[in-house]
C-alpha atoms as a PDB file:
ATOM      1  CA  MET A   1       9.840 106.605 -88.808  1.00  0.00           C
ATOM      2  CA  GLN A   2      11.255 106.776 -85.250  1.00  0.00           C
ATOM      3  CA  PHE A   3      13.588 103.901 -86.061  1.00  0.00           C
ATOM      4  CA  LEU A   4      14.880 105.755 -89.132  1.00  0.00           C
ATOM      5  CA  LEU A   5      15.422 108.929 -87.098  1.00  0.00           C
ATOM      6  CA  GLN A   6      17.426 107.002 -84.517  1.00  0.00           C
ATOM      7  CA  ILE A   7      19.667 105.523 -87.171  1.00  0.00           C
ATOM      8  CA  ILE A   8      20.222 108.894 -88.818  1.00  0.00           C
ATOM      9  CA  GLY A   9      20.925 110.496 -85.461  1.00  0.00           C
ATOM     10  CA  TYR A  10      23.600 108.019 -84.343  1.00  0.00           C
ATOM     11  CA  SER A  11      25.198 106.703 -87.535  1.00  0.00           C
ATOM     12  CA  ASN A  12      28.189 108.051 -89.414  1.00  0.00           C
ATOM     13  CA  SER A  13      27.766 110.750 -92.039  1.00  0.00           C
ATOM     14  CA  LYS A  14      28.067 108.422 -95.030  1.00  0.00           C
ATOM     15  CA  LEU A  15      25.269 106.236 -93.691  1.00  0.00           C
ATOM     16  CA  LYS A  16      23.180 109.331 -93.010  1.00  0.00           C
ATOM     17  CA  VAL A  17      23.481 110.458 -96.620  1.00  0.00           C
ATOM     18  CA  THR A  18      22.718 106.950 -97.904  1.00  0.00           C
ATOM     19  CA  LEU A  19      19.600 106.585 -95.779  1.00  0.00           C
ATOM     20  CA  VAL A  20      18.353 110.053 -96.620  1.00  0.00           C
ATOM     21  CA  ALA A  21      19.003 109.441-100.315  1.00  0.00           C
ATOM     22  CA  CYS A  22      16.950 106.218-100.130  1.00  0.00           C
ATOM     23  CA  PHE A  23      14.177 108.113 -98.401  1.00  0.00           C
ATOM     24  CA  VAL A  24      14.349 110.771-101.109  1.00  0.00           C
ATOM     25  CA  VAL A  25      13.782 108.101-103.744  1.00  0.00           C
ATOM     26  CA  ILE A  26      10.779 106.787-101.821  1.00  0.00           C
ATOM     27  CA  LEU A  27       9.313 110.255-101.390  1.00  0.00           C
ATOM     28  CA  GLY A  28      10.092 111.432-104.877  1.00  0.00           C
ATOM     29  CA  PHE A  29       9.004 108.443-106.887  1.00  0.00           C
ATOM     30  CA  GLY A  30       6.904 106.146-104.747  1.00  0.00           C
ATOM     31  CA  THR A  31       4.381 108.543-103.255  1.00  0.00           C
ATOM     32  CA  ALA A  32       0.796 108.426-104.474  1.00  0.00           C
ATOM     33  CA  SER A  33      -1.516 111.376-104.307  1.00  0.00           C
ATOM     34  CA  PHE A  34      -3.550 111.514-101.123  1.00  0.00           C
ATOM     35  CA  ALA A  35      -5.386 114.798-101.648  1.00  0.00           C
ATOM     36  CA  ASN A  36      -8.950 114.131-100.560  1.00  0.00           C
ATOM     37  CA  ILE A  37     -11.170 116.545-102.422  1.00  0.00           C
ATOM     38  CA  ASN A  38     -14.827 116.465-101.425  1.00  0.00           C
ATOM     39  CA  GLY A  39     -16.887 117.440-104.444  1.00  0.00           C
ATOM     40  CA  SER A  40     -19.795 118.503-102.267  1.00  0.00           C
ATOM     41  CA  LYS A  41     -17.729 121.369-100.872  1.00  0.00           C
ATOM     42  CA  ILE A  42     -16.957 122.880-104.267  1.00  0.00           C
ATOM     43  CA  LYS A  43     -19.542 125.450-105.217  1.00  0.00           C
ATOM     44  CA  PHE A  44     -19.878 127.695-108.229  1.00  0.00           C
ATOM     45  CA  THR A  45     -22.609 130.307-108.154  1.00  0.00           C
ATOM     46  CA  GLY A  46     -23.884 132.961-110.520  1.00  0.00           C
ATOM     47  CA  LYS A  47     -24.772 133.027-114.196  1.00  0.00           C
ATOM     48  CA  ASP A  48     -21.213 132.312-115.284  1.00  0.00           C
ATOM     49  CA  SER A  49     -20.675 129.206-113.155  1.00  0.00           C
ATOM     50  CA  THR A  50     -21.096 126.794-116.071  1.00  0.00           C
ATOM     51  CA  SER A  51     -18.825 128.776-118.369  1.00  0.00           C
ATOM     52  CA  LEU A  52     -16.245 128.987-115.574  1.00  0.00           C
ATOM     53  CA  ILE A  53     -16.185 125.209-115.195  1.00  0.00           C
ATOM     54  CA  ASN A  54     -16.053 124.708-118.958  1.00  0.00           C
ATOM     55  CA  SER A  55     -13.154 127.137-119.291  1.00  0.00           C
ATOM     56  CA  LEU A  56     -11.168 125.481-116.523  1.00  0.00           C
ATOM     57  CA  VAL A  57     -11.857 121.810-117.124  1.00  0.00           C
ATOM     58  CA  PRO A  58      -9.877 120.179-119.921  1.00  0.00           C
ATOM     59  CA  LYS A  59     -11.651 117.709-122.143  1.00  0.00           C
ATOM     60  CA  THR A  60     -11.622 114.514-120.128  1.00  0.00           C
ATOM     61  CA  SER A  61      -9.941 111.897-122.275  1.00  0.00           C
ATOM     62  CA  PHE A  62      -9.081 108.298-121.533  1.00  0.00           C
ATOM     63  CA  SER A  63      -5.490 109.403-120.866  1.00  0.00           C
ATOM     64  CA  ASN A  64      -6.708 111.377-117.837  1.00  0.00           C
ATOM     65  CA  TYR A  65      -8.032 108.224-116.250  1.00  0.00           C
ATOM     66  CA  LEU A  66      -4.698 106.418-116.441  1.00  0.00           C
ATOM     67  CA  LYS A  67      -3.228 108.701-113.757  1.00  0.00           C
ATOM     68  CA  PRO A  68      -4.600 107.488-110.409  1.00  0.00           C
ATOM     69  CA  ILE A  69      -6.131 110.094-108.112  1.00  0.00           C
ATOM     70  CA  SER A  70      -7.329 110.001-104.527  1.00  0.00           C
ATOM     71  CA  VAL A  71     -10.638 111.652-103.635  1.00  0.00           C
ATOM     72  CA  ALA A  72     -13.231 111.539-100.898  1.00  0.00           C
ATOM     73  CA  LEU A  73     -16.243 109.274-101.285  1.00  0.00           C
ATOM     74  CA  ASN A  74     -19.703 110.664-101.859  1.00  0.00           C
ATOM     75  CA  PRO A  75     -21.366 110.963 -98.405  1.00  0.00           C
ATOM     76  CA  GLN A  76     -24.299 108.862 -99.661  1.00  0.00           C
ATOM     77  CA  VAL A  77     -22.143 105.736 -99.828  1.00  0.00           C
ATOM     78  CA  VAL A  78     -19.935 106.151 -96.751  1.00  0.00           C
ATOM     79  CA  GLY A  79     -22.213 104.117 -94.447  1.00  0.00           C
ATOM     80  CA  PHE A  80     -22.414 101.242 -96.946  1.00  0.00           C
ATOM     81  CA  VAL A  81     -18.636 101.266 -97.398  1.00  0.00           C
ATOM     82  CA  GLN A  82     -18.040 101.077 -93.660  1.00  0.00           C
ATOM     83  CA  GLN A  83     -20.317  98.051 -93.276  1.00  0.00           C
ATOM     84  CA  TYR A  84     -18.920  96.335 -96.374  1.00  0.00           C
ATOM     85  CA  ALA A  85     -15.330  96.930 -95.277  1.00  0.00           C
ATOM     86  CA  ALA A  86     -16.013  95.477 -91.840  1.00  0.00           C
ATOM     87  CA  LYS A  87     -17.154  92.217 -93.460  1.00  0.00           C
ATOM     88  CA  ASN A  88     -14.711  91.941 -96.360  1.00  0.00           C
ATOM     89  CA  THR A  89     -11.400  93.630 -95.526  1.00  0.00           C
ATOM     90  CA  ALA A  90      -9.824  90.495 -94.024  1.00  0.00           C
ATOM     91  CA  GLY A  91     -10.628  88.423 -97.101  1.00  0.00           C
ATOM     92  CA  TYR A  92      -9.424  91.144 -99.439  1.00  0.00           C
ATOM     93  CA  GLU A  93      -6.134  91.409 -97.555  1.00  0.00           C
ATOM     94  CA  LYS A  94      -5.547  87.717 -98.283  1.00  0.00           C
ATOM     95  CA  MET A  95      -6.576  88.263-101.918  1.00  0.00           C
ATOM     96  CA  LYS A  96      -3.832  90.883-102.292  1.00  0.00           C
ATOM     97  CA  VAL A  97      -1.418  87.959-101.905  1.00  0.00           C
ATOM     98  CA  TRP A  98      -3.012  85.015-103.715  1.00  0.00           C
ATOM     99  CA  GLY A  99      -4.697  87.189-106.345  1.00  0.00           C
ATOM    100  CA  LYS A 100      -1.667  89.342-107.136  1.00  0.00           C
ATOM    101  CA  PRO A 101      -0.785  87.600-110.446  1.00  0.00           C
ATOM    102  CA  TYR A 102      -4.302  88.246-111.758  1.00  0.00           C
ATOM    103  CA  LEU A 103      -4.465  91.837-110.499  1.00  0.00           C
ATOM    104  CA  ASP A 104      -1.033  92.549-111.986  1.00  0.00           C
ATOM    105  CA  MET A 105      -2.221  91.174-115.315  1.00  0.00           C
ATOM    106  CA  TYR A 106      -5.276  93.453-115.155  1.00  0.00           C
ATOM    107  CA  ASP A 107      -2.965  96.410-114.516  1.00  0.00           C
ATOM    108  CA  LEU A 108      -1.191  95.654-117.783  1.00  0.00           C
ATOM    109  CA  ILE A 109      -4.268  95.036-119.941  1.00  0.00           C
ATOM    110  CA  LEU A 110      -6.820  97.650-118.835  1.00  0.00           C
ATOM    111  CA  PRO A 111      -4.690 100.723-119.732  1.00  0.00           C
ATOM    112  CA  GLN A 112      -4.294  99.351-123.270  1.00  0.00           C
ATOM    113  CA  TYR A 113      -7.970 100.218-123.752  1.00  0.00           C
ATOM    114  CA  GLY A 114      -7.815 103.499-121.835  1.00  0.00           C
ATOM    115  CA  ILE A 115      -9.588 101.856-118.897  1.00  0.00           C
ATOM    116  CA  PRO A 116      -8.525 102.917-115.385  1.00  0.00           C
ATOM    117  CA  LYS A 117      -6.650 100.134-113.610  1.00  0.00           C
ATOM    118  CA  GLU A 118      -9.043 100.485-110.697  1.00  0.00           C
ATOM    119  CA  LEU A 119     -11.813  98.876-112.722  1.00  0.00           C
ATOM    120  CA  LYS A 120     -10.042  95.588-112.013  1.00  0.00           C
ATOM    121  CA  TYR A 121     -12.073  95.682-108.800  1.00  0.00           C
ATOM    122  CA  LEU A 122     -15.171  95.026-110.881  1.00  0.00           C
ATOM    123  CA  SER A 123     -13.815  91.529-111.534  1.00  0.00           C
ATOM    124  CA  ILE A 124     -13.462  91.015-107.793  1.00  0.00           C
ATOM    125  CA  ILE A 125     -17.119  91.733-107.053  1.00  0.00           C
ATOM    126  CA  GLU A 126     -18.218  89.811-110.151  1.00  0.00           C
ATOM    127  CA  SER A 127     -16.401  86.555-109.328  1.00  0.00           C
ATOM    128  CA  TYR A 128     -13.968  87.020-106.426  1.00  0.00           C
ATOM    129  CA  LEU A 129     -11.335  86.180-109.089  1.00  0.00           C
ATOM    130  CA  HIS A 130     -12.642  82.611-109.434  1.00  0.00           C
ATOM    131  CA  PRO A 131     -12.534  81.686-113.155  1.00  0.00           C
ATOM    132  CA  GLY A 132     -15.086  78.897-112.787  1.00  0.00           C
ATOM    133  CA  THR A 133     -17.831  81.165-111.459  1.00  0.00           C
ATOM    134  CA  ILE A 134     -21.184  80.682-113.220  1.00  0.00           C
ATOM    135  CA  SER A 135     -24.161  82.910-112.410  1.00  0.00           C
ATOM    136  CA  TRP A 136     -27.843  81.971-112.435  1.00  0.00           C
ATOM    137  CA  ALA A 137     -28.210  84.102-115.583  1.00  0.00           C
ATOM    138  CA  GLY A 138     -25.489  82.255-117.497  1.00  0.00           C
ATOM    139  CA  ALA A 139     -22.602  84.696-116.997  1.00  0.00           C
ATOM    140  CA  VAL A 140     -19.265  82.891-116.773  1.00  0.00           C
ATOM    141  CA  GLY A 141     -15.693  83.519-115.714  1.00  0.00           C
ATOM    142  CA  PRO A 142     -13.740  86.113-113.747  1.00  0.00           C
ATOM    143  CA  TRP A 143     -15.536  88.935-115.562  1.00  0.00           C
ATOM    144  CA  GLN A 144     -18.935  87.193-115.665  1.00  0.00           C
ATOM    145  CA  LEU A 145     -19.485  87.602-119.401  1.00  0.00           C
ATOM    146  CA  MET A 146     -22.810  86.570-120.918  1.00  0.00           C
ATOM    147  CA  PRO A 147     -23.052  84.165-123.909  1.00  0.00           C
ATOM    148  CA  ASP A 148     -23.891  86.949-126.383  1.00  0.00           C
ATOM    149  CA  GLU A 149     -20.831  88.887-125.215  1.00  0.00           C
ATOM    150  CA  ALA A 150     -18.692  85.806-125.758  1.00  0.00           C
ATOM    151  CA  VAL A 151     -19.934  85.701-129.344  1.00  0.00           C
ATOM    152  CA  ARG A 152     -19.451  89.447-129.942  1.00  0.00           C
ATOM    153  CA  PHE A 153     -15.890  89.391-128.615  1.00  0.00           C
ATOM    154  CA  ASN A 154     -14.858  86.124-130.276  1.00  0.00           C
ATOM    155  CA  LEU A 155     -14.484  83.990-127.180  1.00  0.00           C
ATOM    156  CA  ARG A 156     -14.792  80.333-128.129  1.00  0.00           C
ATOM    157  CA  ARG A 157     -17.179  78.025-126.280  1.00  0.00           C
ATOM    158  CA  THR A 158     -17.185  74.275-126.778  1.00  0.00           C
ATOM    159  CA  SER A 159     -18.431  71.298-124.808  1.00  0.00           C
ATOM    160  CA  ASN A 160     -14.973  71.003-123.269  1.00  0.00           C
ATOM    161  CA  SER A 161     -13.886  74.625-122.764  1.00  0.00           C
ATOM    162  CA  ASP A 162     -15.132  78.182-122.419  1.00  0.00           C
ATOM    163  CA  GLU A 163     -12.740  81.046-123.055  1.00  0.00           C
ATOM    164  CA  ARG A 164     -14.771  83.247-120.745  1.00  0.00           C
ATOM    165  CA  MET A 165     -12.905  81.362-117.994  1.00  0.00           C
ATOM    166  CA  ASP A 166      -9.543  82.347-119.469  1.00  0.00           C
ATOM    167  CA  PHE A 167      -8.233  85.301-117.462  1.00  0.00           C
ATOM    168  CA  PHE A 168      -6.232  86.812-120.324  1.00  0.00           C
ATOM    169  CA  LYS A 169      -8.805  86.484-123.099  1.00  0.00           C
ATOM    170  CA  SER A 170     -11.799  87.384-120.947  1.00  0.00           C
ATOM    171  CA  THR A 171     -10.055  90.511-119.652  1.00  0.00           C
ATOM    172  CA  HIS A 172      -9.562  91.796-123.196  1.00  0.00           C
ATOM    173  CA  ALA A 173     -13.239  91.121-123.900  1.00  0.00           C
ATOM    174  CA  ALA A 174     -14.336  92.840-120.683  1.00  0.00           C
ATOM    175  CA  CYS A 175     -12.232  95.891-121.565  1.00  0.00           C
ATOM    176  CA  LYS A 176     -13.919  96.162-124.956  1.00  0.00           C
ATOM    177  CA  LEU A 177     -17.296  95.952-123.257  1.00  0.00           C
ATOM    178  CA  MET A 178     -16.418  98.581-120.617  1.00  0.00           C
ATOM    179  CA  LYS A 179     -15.093 100.921-123.273  1.00  0.00           C
ATOM    180  CA  GLU A 180     -18.360 100.556-125.217  1.00  0.00           C
ATOM    181  CA  LEU A 181     -20.355 101.309-122.086  1.00  0.00           C
ATOM    182  CA  HIS A 182     -18.297 104.382-121.297  1.00  0.00           C
ATOM    183  CA  GLU A 183     -18.776 105.674-124.830  1.00  0.00           C
ATOM    184  CA  THR A 184     -22.519 105.252-124.265  1.00  0.00           C
ATOM    185  CA  PHE A 185     -22.816 106.854-120.816  1.00  0.00           C
ATOM    186  CA  GLY A 186     -19.605 108.840-120.268  1.00  0.00           C
ATOM    187  CA  ASP A 187     -19.677 107.905-116.586  1.00  0.00           C
ATOM    188  CA  TRP A 188     -17.778 105.109-114.836  1.00  0.00           C
ATOM    189  CA  LEU A 189     -20.418 104.438-112.184  1.00  0.00           C
ATOM    190  CA  LEU A 190     -22.988 103.970-114.938  1.00  0.00           C
ATOM    191  CA  VAL A 191     -20.525 101.652-116.675  1.00  0.00           C
ATOM    192  CA  VAL A 192     -20.556  99.452-113.569  1.00  0.00           C
ATOM    193  CA  ALA A 193     -24.355  99.692-113.370  1.00  0.00           C
ATOM    194  CA  ALA A 194     -24.829  98.793-117.041  1.00  0.00           C
ATOM    195  CA  TYR A 195     -22.249  95.997-116.811  1.00  0.00           C
ATOM    196  CA  ASN A 196     -24.518  94.408-114.208  1.00  0.00           C
ATOM    197  CA  GLY A 197     -28.017  95.480-115.236  1.00  0.00           C
ATOM    198  CA  GLY A 198     -27.717  96.083-118.974  1.00  0.00           C
ATOM    199  CA  VAL A 199     -27.632  99.179-121.162  1.00  0.00           C
ATOM    200  CA  GLY A 200     -31.382  99.263-121.738  1.00  0.00           C
ATOM    201  CA  ARG A 201     -32.200  99.136-118.038  1.00  0.00           C
ATOM    202  CA  VAL A 202     -29.842 102.001-117.213  1.00  0.00           C
ATOM    203  CA  LYS A 203     -31.241 104.126-120.046  1.00  0.00           C
ATOM    204  CA  GLN A 204     -34.771 103.552-118.719  1.00  0.00           C
ATOM    205  CA  CYS A 205     -33.692 104.657-115.252  1.00  0.00           C
ATOM    206  CA  ILE A 206     -32.093 107.806-116.659  1.00  0.00           C
ATOM    207  CA  LYS A 207     -35.438 108.685-118.262  1.00  0.00           C
ATOM    208  CA  LYS A 208     -37.290 108.046-114.996  1.00  0.00           C
ATOM    209  CA  ALA A 209     -34.817 110.348-113.208  1.00  0.00           C
ATOM    210  CA  GLY A 210     -35.652 113.212-115.558  1.00  0.00           C
ATOM    211  CA  GLY A 211     -32.639 112.710-117.790  1.00  0.00           C
ATOM    212  CA  SER A 212     -30.054 112.802-115.002  1.00  0.00           C
ATOM    213  CA  LYS A 213     -26.976 110.647-115.571  1.00  0.00           C
ATOM    214  CA  SER A 214     -25.915 110.812-111.947  1.00  0.00           C
ATOM    215  CA  PHE A 215     -25.910 107.422-110.257  1.00  0.00           C
ATOM    216  CA  TRP A 216     -27.023 109.129-107.042  1.00  0.00           C
ATOM    217  CA  ASP A 217     -30.166 110.362-108.824  1.00  0.00           C
ATOM    218  CA  ILE A 218     -31.049 107.168-110.678  1.00  0.00           C
ATOM    219  CA  GLN A 219     -30.015 104.603-108.055  1.00  0.00           C
ATOM    220  CA  TYR A 220     -33.514 104.066-106.652  1.00  0.00           C
ATOM    221  CA  TYR A 221     -34.920 103.372-110.124  1.00  0.00           C
ATOM    222  CA  LEU A 222     -32.339 100.608-110.591  1.00  0.00           C
ATOM    223  CA  PRO A 223     -32.963  97.042-109.433  1.00  0.00           C
ATOM    224  CA  GLU A 224     -31.654  96.539-105.900  1.00  0.00           C
ATOM    225  CA  GLU A 225     -29.048  94.053-107.163  1.00  0.00           C
ATOM    226  CA  THR A 226     -27.593  96.596-109.589  1.00  0.00           C
ATOM    227  CA  ARG A 227     -27.729  99.455-107.075  1.00  0.00           C
ATOM    228  CA  THR A 228     -25.889  97.329-104.522  1.00  0.00           C
ATOM    229  CA  HIS A 229     -23.428  96.116-107.169  1.00  0.00           C
ATOM    230  CA  VAL A 230     -22.266  99.679-107.809  1.00  0.00           C
ATOM    231  CA  LYS A 231     -21.866 100.356-104.102  1.00  0.00           C
ATOM    232  CA  LYS A 232     -19.930  97.110-103.653  1.00  0.00           C
ATOM    233  CA  TYR A 233     -17.595  98.288-106.405  1.00  0.00           C
ATOM    234  CA  ILE A 234     -17.049 101.634-104.657  1.00  0.00           C
ATOM    235  CA  ALA A 235     -16.446  99.864-101.345  1.00  0.00           C
ATOM    236  CA  THR A 236     -13.965  97.431-102.880  1.00  0.00           C
ATOM    237  CA  HIS A 237     -12.120 100.321-104.511  1.00  0.00           C
ATOM    238  CA  TYR A 238     -11.943 102.011-101.119  1.00  0.00           C
ATOM    239  CA  ILE A 239     -10.658  98.892 -99.334  1.00  0.00           C
ATOM    240  CA  PHE A 240      -7.851  98.392-101.873  1.00  0.00           C
ATOM    241  CA  GLU A 241      -6.992 102.047-102.548  1.00  0.00           C
ATOM    242  CA  GLY A 242      -7.868 103.725 -99.249  1.00  0.00           C
ATOM    243  CA  SER A 243      -9.977 106.359-101.011  1.00  0.00           C
ATOM    244  CA  GLY A 244     -12.177 107.028-104.005  1.00  0.00           C
ATOM    245  CA  GLY A 245     -10.863 107.727-107.510  1.00  0.00           C
ATOM    246  CA  TRP A 246     -11.881 108.394-111.110  1.00  0.00           C
ATOM    247  CA  THR A 247     -14.226 105.416-111.210  1.00  0.00           C
ATOM    248  CA  THR A 248     -16.086 106.195-107.973  1.00  0.00           C
ATOM    249  CA  MET A 249     -17.197 109.668-109.104  1.00  0.00           C
ATOM    250  CA  THR A 250     -20.092 110.734-111.297  1.00  0.00           C
ATOM    251  CA  THR A 251     -19.397 112.891-114.339  1.00  0.00           C
ATOM    252  CA  ALA A 252     -20.471 116.001-112.410  1.00  0.00           C
ATOM    253  CA  GLU A 253     -18.166 115.112-109.512  1.00  0.00           C
ATOM    254  CA  THR A 254     -15.331 114.556-111.964  1.00  0.00           C
ATOM    255  CA  GLU A 255     -15.878 117.987-113.517  1.00  0.00           C
ATOM    256  CA  LYS A 256     -15.810 119.644-110.094  1.00  0.00           C
ATOM    257  CA  TYR A 257     -12.632 117.791-109.215  1.00  0.00           C
ATOM    258  CA  LEU A 258     -10.931 118.880-112.440  1.00  0.00           C
ATOM    259  CA  ALA A 259     -12.109 122.461-111.950  1.00  0.00           C
ATOM    260  CA  THR A 260     -10.639 122.485-108.454  1.00  0.00           C
ATOM    261  CA  VAL A 261      -7.311 121.120-109.673  1.00  0.00           C
ATOM    262  CA  ALA A 262      -7.261 123.715-112.458  1.00  0.00           C
ATOM    263  CA  LEU A 263      -7.883 126.514-109.964  1.00  0.00           C
ATOM    264  CA  GLU A 264      -5.176 125.221-107.638  1.00  0.00           C
ATOM    265  CA  ASN A 265      -2.652 124.968-110.462  1.00  0.00           C
ATOM    266  CA  LYS A 266      -3.547 128.257-112.127  1.00  0.00           C
ATOM    267  CA  GLN A 267      -0.312 130.086-112.771  1.00  0.00           C
ATOM    268  CA  PRO A 268      -0.006 133.805-111.934  1.00  0.00           C
ATOM    269  CA  SER A 269       0.057 136.476-114.609  1.00  0.00           C
ATOM    270  CA  LEU A 270       3.618 137.505-115.368  1.00  0.00           C
ATOM    271  CA  THR A 271       4.993 140.679-116.881  1.00  0.00           C
ATOM    272  CA  GLU A 272       6.960 140.531-120.094  1.00  0.00           C
ATOM    273  CA  GLU A 273      10.114 141.271-118.119  1.00  0.00           C
ATOM    274  CA  GLU A 274       9.422 138.384-115.717  1.00  0.00           C
ATOM    275  CA  LEU A 275       8.858 136.019-118.613  1.00  0.00           C
ATOM    276  CA  GLN A 276      12.155 137.021-120.229  1.00  0.00           C
ATOM    277  CA  ASN A 277      14.217 136.817-117.047  1.00  0.00           C
ATOM    278  CA  THR A 278      12.868 133.597-115.548  1.00  0.00           C
ATOM    279  CA  ALA A 279      13.137 129.912-116.348  1.00  0.00           C
ATOM    280  CA  VAL A 280      10.930 126.933-115.543  1.00  0.00           C
ATOM    281  CA  ILE A 281      12.366 123.701-114.142  1.00  0.00           C
ATOM    282  CA  GLU A 282      10.156 120.661-113.619  1.00  0.00           C
ATOM    283  CA  VAL A 283      10.858 119.149-110.202  1.00  0.00           C
ATOM    284  CA  GLY A 284       9.621 116.108-108.326  1.00  0.00           C
ATOM    285  CA  GLY A 285      10.307 114.824-104.839  1.00  0.00           C
ATOM    286  CA  ARG A 286       9.958 116.443-101.444  1.00  0.00           C
ATOM    287  CA  TYR A 287      11.591 119.816-102.001  1.00  0.00           C
ATOM    288  CA  LEU A 288      10.466 122.451 -99.494  1.00  0.00           C
ATOM    289  CA  SER A 289      10.052 126.046-100.584  1.00  0.00           C
ATOM    290  CA  VAL A 290      11.776 127.411 -97.486  1.00  0.00           C
ATOM    291  CA  ILE A 291      14.857 125.244 -98.104  1.00  0.00           C
ATOM    292  CA  VAL A 292      14.938 126.095-101.820  1.00  0.00           C
ATOM    293  CA  THR A 293      14.747 129.840-101.154  1.00  0.00           C
ATOM    294  CA  ASN A 294      17.364 129.672 -98.387  1.00  0.00           C
ATOM    295  CA  TYR A 295      19.860 128.001-100.715  1.00  0.00           C
ATOM    296  CA  LEU A 296      19.086 130.365-103.578  1.00  0.00           C
ATOM    297  CA  LEU A 297      19.055 133.478-101.352  1.00  0.00           C
ATOM    298  CA  MET A 298      15.627 134.212-102.812  1.00  0.00           C
ATOM    299  CA  ASP A 299      12.738 136.111-101.244  1.00  0.00           C
ATOM    300  CA  ILE A 300      10.083 133.592-100.150  1.00  0.00           C
ATOM    301  CA  THR A 301       7.245 135.975-101.068  1.00  0.00           C
ATOM    302  CA  GLN A 302       8.505 136.245-104.637  1.00  0.00           C
ATOM    303  CA  PHE A 303       8.958 132.478-104.815  1.00  0.00           C
ATOM    304  CA  ASN A 304       5.379 131.884-103.647  1.00  0.00           C
ATOM    305  CA  LYS A 305       4.059 134.364-106.200  1.00  0.00           C
ATOM    306  CA  TRP A 306       5.736 132.520-109.026  1.00  0.00           C
ATOM    307  CA  ASN A 307       5.086 129.064-107.584  1.00  0.00           C
ATOM    308  CA  PRO A 308       1.679 128.857-105.874  1.00  0.00           C
ATOM    309  CA  ASN A 309       0.895 125.577-104.062  1.00  0.00           C
ATOM    310  CA  PHE A 310       4.486 124.401-104.542  1.00  0.00           C
ATOM    311  CA  ASP A 311       4.781 122.486-101.254  1.00  0.00           C
ATOM    312  CA  LYS A 312       1.254 121.068-101.488  1.00  0.00           C
ATOM    313  CA  ALA A 313       1.760 119.710-105.025  1.00  0.00           C
ATOM    314  CA  LEU A 314       5.059 118.017-104.192  1.00  0.00           C
ATOM    315  CA  ALA A 315       3.620 116.586-100.967  1.00  0.00           C
ATOM    316  CA  GLU A 316       0.951 114.908-103.129  1.00  0.00           C
ATOM    317  CA  GLY A 317       3.612 113.241-105.272  1.00  0.00           C
ATOM    318  CA  LYS A 318       3.086 115.510-108.275  1.00  0.00           C
ATOM    319  CA  LYS A 319       5.667 117.062-110.573  1.00  0.00           C
ATOM    320  CA  TYR A 320       5.824 120.865-110.410  1.00  0.00           C
ATOM    321  CA  PRO A 321       6.943 123.437-113.044  1.00  0.00           C
ATOM    322  CA  MET A 322       9.036 125.610-110.705  1.00  0.00           C
ATOM    323  CA  ARG A 323       9.732 129.152-111.924  1.00  0.00           C
ATOM    324  CA  LEU A 324      12.983 130.867-110.887  1.00  0.00           C
ATOM    325  CA  SER A 325      15.076 133.757-112.078  1.00  0.00           C
ATOM    326  CA  LYS A 326      17.579 132.540-114.655  1.00  0.00           C
ATOM    327  CA  ASN A 327      20.496 133.069-112.268  1.00  0.00           C
ATOM    328  CA  ALA A 328      18.705 131.191-109.480  1.00  0.00           C
ATOM    329  CA  ALA A 329      17.823 128.393-111.902  1.00  0.00           C
ATOM    330  CA  THR A 330      21.513 127.895-112.672  1.00  0.00           C
ATOM    331  CA  VAL A 331      22.334 127.681-108.966  1.00  0.00           C
ATOM    332  CA  PHE A 332      19.443 125.289-108.374  1.00  0.00           C
ATOM    333  CA  GLU A 333      20.611 122.904-111.094  1.00  0.00           C
ATOM    334  CA  ALA A 334      24.054 122.817-109.490  1.00  0.00           C
ATOM    335  CA  LYS A 335      22.776 122.249-105.944  1.00  0.00           C
ATOM    336  CA  LYS A 336      19.479 120.426-106.436  1.00  0.00           C
ATOM    337  CA  SER A 337      20.657 117.138-104.877  1.00  0.00           C
ATOM    338  CA  THR A 338      21.858 118.914-101.758  1.00  0.00           C
ATOM    339  CA  ILE A 339      18.666 120.992-101.575  1.00  0.00           C
ATOM    340  CA  LEU A 340      16.532 117.842-101.844  1.00  0.00           C
ATOM    341  CA  ILE A 341      18.462 116.060 -99.092  1.00  0.00           C
ATOM    342  CA  GLU A 342      18.167 119.095 -96.810  1.00  0.00           C
ATOM    343  CA  SER A 343      14.438 119.303 -97.540  1.00  0.00           C
ATOM    344  CA  VAL A 344      13.960 115.647 -96.597  1.00  0.00           C
ATOM    345  CA  ARG A 345      15.993 116.148 -93.421  1.00  0.00           C
ATOM    346  CA  ALA A 346      13.699 119.014 -92.489  1.00  0.00           C
ATOM    347  CA  LEU A 347      10.677 116.761 -93.026  1.00  0.00           C
ATOM    348  CA  LEU A 348      12.206 113.969 -90.941  1.00  0.00           C
ATOM    349  CA  ASN A 349      12.799 116.462 -88.135  1.00  0.00           C
ATOM    350  CA  GLY A 350       9.188 117.568 -88.274  1.00  0.00           C
ATOM    351  CA  GLU A 351       9.896 120.924 -89.895  1.00  0.00           C
ATOM    352  CA  THR A 352       6.964 120.719 -92.336  1.00  0.00           C
ATOM    353  CA  VAL A 353       6.705 124.137 -93.937  1.00  0.00           C
ATOM    354  CA  SER A 354       4.201 124.939 -96.678  1.00  0.00           C
ATOM    355  CA  ASN A 355       3.496 128.037 -98.719  1.00  0.00           C
END
């Protein structure tokens, strides 16, 4: 960052604009969401808490899971993750290079089944991406599929070959299996548990836990191997992604996350006159509210009323439906490139302003 600032400070104006424009592209299109939301801090109390969550949380479909998110890990697994990362991060860093062709292939196949890309990390803890891996129980290949699963998903096995060792074919079979498991349990952590320990075993543990489907409630009823398997998955996700995500949360944690996002993005009530005299423009990139309002000669208080959490959403790499008066919207469309460049310059100079 300091190097970039030095170049911008001492280069000619054309180079300044070029560098800033490149930085705009990086900020606008290459930024992932890094909003750590700790589910344990979200509390709903009172008789209407359940109805509030239900009213705010959209039906979680497979399409939701295809948009990566970044969330805090459950405190119960943080210690395990730290120890696991200390032992495995160096090896995983090397895997990011030699294993890239396989991980890229997973990224293409998993979404076809509505499976989050991050579940590719299950293959890592199953086999370390070694296709010839054979377990003591007879599971084979990068996804460690059992013989009956090979039969169910039409993977051929002969004396000379076993398609469970084929990365492409076994990945399609593993996706079908994971989708089945999610339809059974509706929870990605339980998918990982059942993938290792079996559907029947997980169902028994749910009964022993009084019907709870939270991994954190049933974990001590699971065999130690399965319990550790799930935590290894969470740790591997963290090492590669730098945070938790859809597949490291229980269903309850997912609902709290979605409720929080819904509350943050709740749009203000507008009068009929405001609705008639305003327009909505979807923006992305590192626009700053203070720069936008300065260019549009618009009151910042009014802007914040119409556009709550504007700076926060764009800082997280999200698109935002920005509401402006119709006149201001026309001016914005004409000057949006200049406004974006000025916003990025303000960020580079440390002038981080949020509403």
